[in-house]
Amino acid sequence: MEQVKQYFENHETVNQLYFTSDGLAFFDEVNAINHAGNLDDTTISTKTRDEVESELEQLTDGLEYDPLDEPDAE
């Protein structure tokens, strides 16, 4: 998930990415389809910016703040 988040951070105007089973990200679905055609697993999954942000929020909602996690905590 962190890698997907990084793609969106690096490309601020992109709202949807297409991923092939080998983990490559594509801006255009047709390019993902063409690449996937050369793979054993031709699955393509899509992720939107909103989905990623929502999933990351859900992951961090249950975490409590621990002051000992601070870099300068002793």
N, C-alpha and C. Protein backbone atom coordinates (compact mmCIF):
# COMPACT_ATOMS: atom_id res chain seq x y z
N MET A 1 0.83 -1.20 0.00
CA MET A 1 0.00 0.00 0.00
C MET A 1 0.87 1.26 0.00
N GLU A 2 1.99 1.19 0.69
CA GLU A 2 2.87 2.35 0.78
C GLU A 2 3.40 2.74 -0.60
N GLN A 3 3.69 1.74 -1.43
CA GLN A 3 4.19 2.01 -2.78
C GLN A 3 3.12 2.71 -3.62
N VAL A 4 1.88 2.28 -3.48
CA VAL A 4 0.77 2.90 -4.22
C VAL A 4 0.62 4.35 -3.78
N LYS A 5 0.69 4.58 -2.49
CA LYS A 5 0.60 5.95 -1.96
C LYS A 5 1.71 6.81 -2.56
N GLN A 6 2.90 6.25 -2.67
CA GLN A 6 4.03 7.00 -3.22
C GLN A 6 3.80 7.36 -4.69
N TYR A 7 3.21 6.45 -5.45
CA TYR A 7 2.89 6.77 -6.85
C TYR A 7 1.98 7.99 -6.92
N PHE A 8 0.94 8.02 -6.09
CA PHE A 8 0.01 9.15 -6.12
C PHE A 8 0.67 10.44 -5.64
N GLU A 9 1.56 10.33 -4.65
CA GLU A 9 2.26 11.53 -4.18
C GLU A 9 3.19 12.09 -5.26
N ASN A 10 3.79 11.21 -6.03
CA ASN A 10 4.72 11.64 -7.08
C ASN A 10 4.00 12.17 -8.32
N HIS A 11 2.74 11.82 -8.48
CA HIS A 11 1.97 12.22 -9.66
C HIS A 11 0.64 12.82 -9.20
N GLU A 12 0.69 14.08 -8.80
CA GLU A 12 -0.45 14.74 -8.16
C GLU A 12 -1.68 14.87 -9.03
N THR A 13 -1.55 14.83 -10.34
CA THR A 13 -2.72 15.00 -11.21
C THR A 13 -3.38 13.66 -11.56
N VAL A 14 -2.77 12.56 -11.17
CA VAL A 14 -3.30 11.23 -11.46
C VAL A 14 -4.28 10.83 -10.36
N ASN A 15 -5.47 10.37 -10.76
CA ASN A 15 -6.47 9.96 -9.78
C ASN A 15 -6.75 8.46 -9.81
N GLN A 16 -6.21 7.76 -10.82
CA GLN A 16 -6.43 6.32 -10.92
C GLN A 16 -5.21 5.68 -11.57
N LEU A 17 -4.80 4.53 -11.00
CA LEU A 17 -3.69 3.77 -11.55
C LEU A 17 -4.13 2.34 -11.81
N TYR A 18 -3.50 1.72 -12.79
CA TYR A 18 -3.80 0.34 -13.17
C TYR A 18 -2.55 -0.50 -12.89
N PHE A 19 -2.73 -1.57 -12.11
CA PHE A 19 -1.62 -2.41 -11.70
C PHE A 19 -1.73 -3.79 -12.33
N THR A 20 -0.61 -4.26 -12.87
CA THR A 20 -0.56 -5.62 -13.40
C THR A 20 -0.09 -6.55 -12.29
N SER A 21 -0.22 -7.85 -12.54
CA SER A 21 0.09 -8.84 -11.50
C SER A 21 1.56 -8.84 -11.10
N ASP A 22 2.43 -8.28 -11.93
CA ASP A 22 3.85 -8.22 -11.57
C ASP A 22 4.19 -6.94 -10.80
N GLY A 23 3.17 -6.15 -10.45
CA GLY A 23 3.37 -4.98 -9.60
C GLY A 23 3.66 -3.68 -10.32
N LEU A 24 3.65 -3.68 -11.63
CA LEU A 24 3.89 -2.44 -12.36
C LEU A 24 2.63 -1.58 -12.39
N ALA A 25 2.83 -0.27 -12.32
CA ALA A 25 1.71 0.67 -12.34
C ALA A 25 1.66 1.38 -13.69
N PHE A 26 0.44 1.59 -14.17
CA PHE A 26 0.23 2.27 -15.45
C PHE A 26 -0.80 3.37 -15.28
N PHE A 27 -0.62 4.45 -16.02
CA PHE A 27 -1.58 5.54 -16.01
C PHE A 27 -2.76 5.24 -16.91
N ASP A 28 -2.52 4.49 -17.98
CA ASP A 28 -3.55 4.18 -18.97
C ASP A 28 -3.88 2.70 -18.93
N GLU A 29 -5.17 2.40 -18.91
CA GLU A 29 -5.61 1.01 -18.84
C GLU A 29 -5.12 0.19 -20.03
N VAL A 30 -5.14 0.78 -21.21
CA VAL A 30 -4.72 0.04 -22.41
C VAL A 30 -3.26 -0.40 -22.30
N ASN A 31 -2.42 0.42 -21.72
CA ASN A 31 -1.02 0.04 -21.54
C ASN A 31 -0.89 -1.11 -20.55
N ALA A 32 -1.69 -1.08 -19.50
CA ALA A 32 -1.69 -2.18 -18.52
C ALA A 32 -2.16 -3.47 -19.17
N ILE A 33 -3.21 -3.37 -19.99
CA ILE A 33 -3.74 -4.55 -20.69
C ILE A 33 -2.67 -5.13 -21.63
N ASN A 34 -2.01 -4.26 -22.37
CA ASN A 34 -0.97 -4.73 -23.29
C ASN A 34 0.17 -5.43 -22.55
N HIS A 35 0.59 -4.86 -21.44
CA HIS A 35 1.66 -5.47 -20.66
C HIS A 35 1.21 -6.79 -20.05
N ALA A 36 0.01 -6.80 -19.49
CA ALA A 36 -0.51 -8.01 -18.84
C ALA A 36 -0.65 -9.16 -19.82
N GLY A 37 -0.84 -8.85 -21.08
CA GLY A 37 -0.96 -9.89 -22.09
C GLY A 37 0.29 -10.75 -22.21
N ASN A 38 1.42 -10.24 -21.75
CA ASN A 38 2.68 -10.97 -21.80
C ASN A 38 2.97 -11.73 -20.51
N LEU A 39 2.06 -11.67 -19.55
CA LEU A 39 2.27 -12.31 -18.25
C LEU A 39 1.42 -13.57 -18.13
N ASP A 40 1.84 -14.48 -17.26
CA ASP A 40 1.04 -15.67 -16.98
C ASP A 40 -0.29 -15.28 -16.33
N ASP A 41 -0.23 -14.34 -15.40
CA ASP A 41 -1.42 -13.84 -14.71
C ASP A 41 -1.78 -12.50 -15.33
N THR A 42 -2.87 -12.45 -16.07
CA THR A 42 -3.24 -11.23 -16.80
C THR A 42 -4.16 -10.31 -16.00
N THR A 43 -4.23 -10.53 -14.70
CA THR A 43 -5.09 -9.72 -13.84
C THR A 43 -4.60 -8.28 -13.79
N ILE A 44 -5.55 -7.36 -13.88
CA ILE A 44 -5.28 -5.93 -13.73
C ILE A 44 -6.17 -5.41 -12.61
N SER A 45 -5.57 -4.73 -11.66
CA SER A 45 -6.35 -4.12 -10.59
C SER A 45 -6.21 -2.61 -10.67
N THR A 46 -7.24 -1.92 -10.24
CA THR A 46 -7.20 -0.46 -10.26
C THR A 46 -7.26 0.06 -8.84
N LYS A 47 -6.60 1.18 -8.64
CA LYS A 47 -6.65 1.88 -7.36
C LYS A 47 -6.87 3.36 -7.66
N THR A 48 -7.78 3.95 -6.93
CA THR A 48 -7.98 5.39 -7.06
C THR A 48 -7.31 6.09 -5.88
N ARG A 49 -7.05 7.35 -6.06
CA ARG A 49 -6.44 8.15 -5.00
C ARG A 49 -7.32 8.12 -3.75
N ASP A 50 -8.64 8.25 -3.93
CA ASP A 50 -9.56 8.26 -2.79
C ASP A 50 -9.54 6.92 -2.04
N GLU A 51 -9.48 5.81 -2.78
CA GLU A 51 -9.43 4.48 -2.15
C GLU A 51 -8.18 4.34 -1.28
N VAL A 52 -7.06 4.76 -1.80
CA VAL A 52 -5.80 4.64 -1.08
C VAL A 52 -5.82 5.50 0.18
N GLU A 53 -6.28 6.73 0.06
CA GLU A 53 -6.35 7.61 1.22
C GLU A 53 -7.28 7.04 2.28
N SER A 54 -8.42 6.50 1.86
CA SER A 54 -9.38 5.91 2.79
C SER A 54 -8.79 4.69 3.49
N GLU A 55 -8.14 3.81 2.73
CA GLU A 55 -7.54 2.61 3.32
C GLU A 55 -6.45 2.97 4.31
N LEU A 56 -5.64 3.96 3.99
CA LEU A 56 -4.57 4.37 4.90
C LEU A 56 -5.14 5.00 6.17
N GLU A 57 -6.22 5.76 6.04
CA GLU A 57 -6.87 6.34 7.22
C GLU A 57 -7.39 5.25 8.15
N GLN A 58 -8.00 4.22 7.56
CA GLN A 58 -8.52 3.12 8.36
C GLN A 58 -7.41 2.38 9.09
N LEU A 59 -6.26 2.25 8.45
CA LEU A 59 -5.13 1.58 9.08
C LEU A 59 -4.59 2.36 10.27
N THR A 60 -4.61 3.68 10.18
CA THR A 60 -4.02 4.49 11.23
C THR A 60 -5.04 4.92 12.29
N ASP A 61 -6.34 4.75 12.05
CA ASP A 61 -7.35 5.17 13.02
C ASP A 61 -7.22 4.43 14.35
N GLY A 62 -6.89 3.16 14.31
CA GLY A 62 -6.83 2.37 15.53
C GLY A 62 -5.52 2.48 16.28
N LEU A 63 -4.57 3.19 15.72
CA LEU A 63 -3.27 3.31 16.38
C LEU A 63 -3.29 4.40 17.43
N GLU A 64 -2.70 4.08 18.56
CA GLU A 64 -2.59 5.08 19.63
C GLU A 64 -1.23 5.74 19.56
N TYR A 65 -1.17 6.97 20.01
CA TYR A 65 0.08 7.71 20.05
C TYR A 65 0.92 7.18 21.21
N ASP A 66 2.16 6.87 20.94
CA ASP A 66 3.09 6.40 21.96
C ASP A 66 4.29 7.34 21.96
N PRO A 67 4.47 8.12 23.02
CA PRO A 67 5.57 9.08 23.04
C PRO A 67 6.94 8.41 22.94
N LEU A 68 7.03 7.14 23.28
CA LEU A 68 8.31 6.44 23.19
C LEU A 68 8.68 6.13 21.75
N ASP A 69 7.75 6.33 20.82
CA ASP A 69 8.05 6.13 19.40
C ASP A 69 8.77 7.34 18.80
N GLU A 70 8.84 8.44 19.55
CA GLU A 70 9.54 9.62 19.06
C GLU A 70 11.01 9.32 18.90
N PRO A 71 11.67 9.86 17.88
CA PRO A 71 13.07 9.55 17.63
C PRO A 71 14.01 9.93 18.78
N ASP A 72 13.66 10.99 19.53
CA ASP A 72 14.55 11.41 20.61
C ASP A 72 14.10 10.93 21.98
N ALA A 73 13.12 10.03 22.02
CA ALA A 73 12.64 9.51 23.30
C ALA A 73 13.70 8.61 23.92
N GLU A 74 13.80 8.68 25.23
CA GLU A 74 14.80 7.85 25.93
C GLU A 74 14.15 6.74 26.70
